[in-house]
Amino acid sequence: MEKVLTPQNVAERYDVCIATVWRWIRSGRLTAVRLTERSYRIRTEDIEAFERGDSLKLDQLKKDRSQKDLPKKTRSSSAPAKREKSKK
């Protein structure tokens, strides 16, 4: 069975705040496996890739996201007019 680490274990290993580990995961620098809605694990092979710098680069991640056919939020082209204060 392969060894896995929790985000807290990774934070302790690198002497960083756990928020930093979550940032690495969200940005794609560190790969994590989602077990449940609130439970993630990081495989040792992903830690090794992270240390080598082989992890997915943020630019590539952004490029991949931009190529997906996701509906985009649309804004009204005409913004609501500002009300002017009446002088009394």
C-alpha atoms as a PDB file:
ATOM      1  CA  MET A   1       0.000   0.000   0.000  1.00  0.00           C
ATOM      2  CA  GLU A   2       1.385   3.384  -0.968  1.00  0.00           C
ATOM      3  CA  LYS A   3       1.954   6.019   1.669  1.00  0.00           C
ATOM      4  CA  VAL A   4      -0.198   9.125   1.579  1.00  0.00           C
ATOM      5  CA  LEU A   5       0.010  12.382   3.495  1.00  0.00           C
ATOM      6  CA  THR A   6      -2.632  14.774   4.714  1.00  0.00           C
ATOM      7  CA  PRO A   7      -2.344  18.465   3.862  1.00  0.00           C
ATOM      8  CA  GLN A   8      -1.372  18.997   7.516  1.00  0.00           C
ATOM      9  CA  ASN A   9       1.474  16.449   7.148  1.00  0.00           C
ATOM     10  CA  VAL A  10       2.723  18.289   4.065  1.00  0.00           C
ATOM     11  CA  ALA A  11       2.593  21.633   5.886  1.00  0.00           C
ATOM     12  CA  GLU A  12       4.681  20.187   8.727  1.00  0.00           C
ATOM     13  CA  ARG A  13       7.123  18.573   6.286  1.00  0.00           C
ATOM     14  CA  TYR A  14       7.866  21.895   4.549  1.00  0.00           C
ATOM     15  CA  ASP A  15       7.411  24.056   7.654  1.00  0.00           C
ATOM     16  CA  VAL A  16       4.696  26.156   6.026  1.00  0.00           C
ATOM     17  CA  CYS A  17       1.179  27.147   6.978  1.00  0.00           C
ATOM     18  CA  ILE A  18      -1.569  24.729   5.921  1.00  0.00           C
ATOM     19  CA  ALA A  19      -3.111  27.573   3.889  1.00  0.00           C
ATOM     20  CA  THR A  20       0.035  27.484   1.739  1.00  0.00           C
ATOM     21  CA  VAL A  21      -0.480  23.791   1.060  1.00  0.00           C
ATOM     22  CA  TRP A  22      -4.100  24.468   0.026  1.00  0.00           C
ATOM     23  CA  ARG A  23      -2.854  27.230  -2.271  1.00  0.00           C
ATOM     24  CA  TRP A  24      -0.399  24.802  -3.889  1.00  0.00           C
ATOM     25  CA  ILE A  25      -3.216  22.304  -4.411  1.00  0.00           C
ATOM     26  CA  ARG A  26      -5.635  24.882  -5.877  1.00  0.00           C
ATOM     27  CA  SER A  27      -2.986  26.288  -8.210  1.00  0.00           C
ATOM     28  CA  GLY A  28      -1.989  22.848  -9.490  1.00  0.00           C
ATOM     29  CA  ARG A  29       1.556  22.928  -8.101  1.00  0.00           C
ATOM     30  CA  LEU A  30       0.748  19.998  -5.832  1.00  0.00           C
ATOM     31  CA  THR A  31      -1.568  17.173  -6.824  1.00  0.00           C
ATOM     32  CA  ALA A  32      -3.998  15.885  -4.207  1.00  0.00           C
ATOM     33  CA  VAL A  33      -6.574  13.109  -4.244  1.00  0.00           C
ATOM     34  CA  ARG A  34     -10.024  14.006  -2.983  1.00  0.00           C
ATOM     35  CA  LEU A  35     -11.463  11.276  -0.770  1.00  0.00           C
ATOM     36  CA  THR A  36     -14.582  13.032   0.459  1.00  0.00           C
ATOM     37  CA  GLU A  37     -15.924  16.553   0.285  1.00  0.00           C
ATOM     38  CA  ARG A  38     -13.551  17.679   3.033  1.00  0.00           C
ATOM     39  CA  SER A  39     -10.825  15.054   2.958  1.00  0.00           C
ATOM     40  CA  TYR A  40      -7.747  15.144   0.711  1.00  0.00           C
ATOM     41  CA  ARG A  41      -4.572  13.086   0.576  1.00  0.00           C
ATOM     42  CA  ILE A  42      -1.288  13.646  -1.205  1.00  0.00           C
ATOM     43  CA  ARG A  43       0.551  10.616  -2.576  1.00  0.00           C
ATOM     44  CA  THR A  44       4.289  10.313  -1.980  1.00  0.00           C
ATOM     45  CA  GLU A  45       4.874  10.183  -5.748  1.00  0.00           C
ATOM     46  CA  ASP A  46       3.118  13.559  -6.038  1.00  0.00           C
ATOM     47  CA  ILE A  47       5.345  14.946  -3.260  1.00  0.00           C
ATOM     48  CA  GLU A  48       8.401  13.721  -5.179  1.00  0.00           C
ATOM     49  CA  ALA A  49       7.124  15.330  -8.400  1.00  0.00           C
ATOM     50  CA  PHE A  50       6.484  18.557  -6.479  1.00  0.00           C
ATOM     51  CA  GLU A  51      10.049  18.515  -5.143  1.00  0.00           C
ATOM     52  CA  ARG A  52      11.452  17.927  -8.646  1.00  0.00           C
ATOM     53  CA  GLY A  53       9.310  20.714 -10.040  1.00  0.00           C
ATOM     54  CA  ASP A  54       7.444  18.294 -12.321  1.00  0.00           C
ATOM     55  CA  SER A  55       4.021  19.411 -11.144  1.00  0.00           C
ATOM     56  CA  LEU A  56       1.529  21.111 -13.415  1.00  0.00           C
ATOM     57  CA  LYS A  57       2.449  24.715 -14.055  1.00  0.00           C
ATOM     58  CA  LEU A  58      -0.107  27.424 -13.349  1.00  0.00           C
ATOM     59  CA  ASP A  59       0.131  28.808 -16.911  1.00  0.00           C
ATOM     60  CA  GLN A  60      -0.770  25.405 -18.335  1.00  0.00           C
ATOM     61  CA  LEU A  61      -3.616  25.088 -15.854  1.00  0.00           C
ATOM     62  CA  LYS A  62      -5.026  28.474 -16.922  1.00  0.00           C
ATOM     63  CA  LYS A  63      -4.669  27.509 -20.584  1.00  0.00           C
ATOM     64  CA  ASP A  64      -6.537  24.250 -20.021  1.00  0.00           C
ATOM     65  CA  ARG A  65      -9.327  26.039 -18.169  1.00  0.00           C
ATOM     66  CA  SER A  66      -9.730  28.645 -20.893  1.00  0.00           C
ATOM     67  CA  GLN A  67     -10.164  25.941 -23.539  1.00  0.00           C
ATOM     68  CA  LYS A  68     -13.091  24.294 -21.774  1.00  0.00           C
ATOM     69  CA  ASP A  69     -16.560  25.050 -23.051  1.00  0.00           C
ATOM     70  CA  LEU A  70     -17.939  26.413 -19.823  1.00  0.00           C
ATOM     71  CA  PRO A  71     -20.783  28.876 -19.734  1.00  0.00           C
ATOM     72  CA  LYS A  72     -19.482  32.291 -18.872  1.00  0.00           C
ATOM     73  CA  LYS A  73     -21.169  34.741 -16.605  1.00  0.00           C
ATOM     74  CA  THR A  74     -22.571  37.571 -18.619  1.00  0.00           C
ATOM     75  CA  ARG A  75     -22.937  41.112 -17.496  1.00  0.00           C
ATOM     76  CA  SER A  76     -25.489  43.481 -18.751  1.00  0.00           C
ATOM     77  CA  SER A  77     -23.894  45.728 -21.334  1.00  0.00           C
ATOM     78  CA  SER A  78     -25.641  48.746 -19.892  1.00  0.00           C
ATOM     79  CA  ALA A  79     -24.895  49.364 -16.277  1.00  0.00           C
ATOM     80  CA  PRO A  80     -27.674  50.868 -14.196  1.00  0.00           C
ATOM     81  CA  ALA A  81     -27.611  54.625 -14.388  1.00  0.00           C
ATOM     82  CA  LYS A  82     -26.327  56.417 -11.339  1.00  0.00           C
ATOM     83  CA  ARG A  83     -28.813  58.519  -9.525  1.00  0.00           C
ATOM     84  CA  GLU A  84     -27.929  62.103  -9.144  1.00  0.00           C
ATOM     85  CA  LYS A  85     -28.747  63.761  -5.896  1.00  0.00           C
ATOM     86  CA  SER A  86     -31.412  66.356  -6.330  1.00  0.00           C
ATOM     87  CA  LYS A  87     -30.562  69.810  -5.092  1.00  0.00           C
ATOM     88  CA  LYS A  88     -33.216  71.175  -2.780  1.00  0.00           C
END
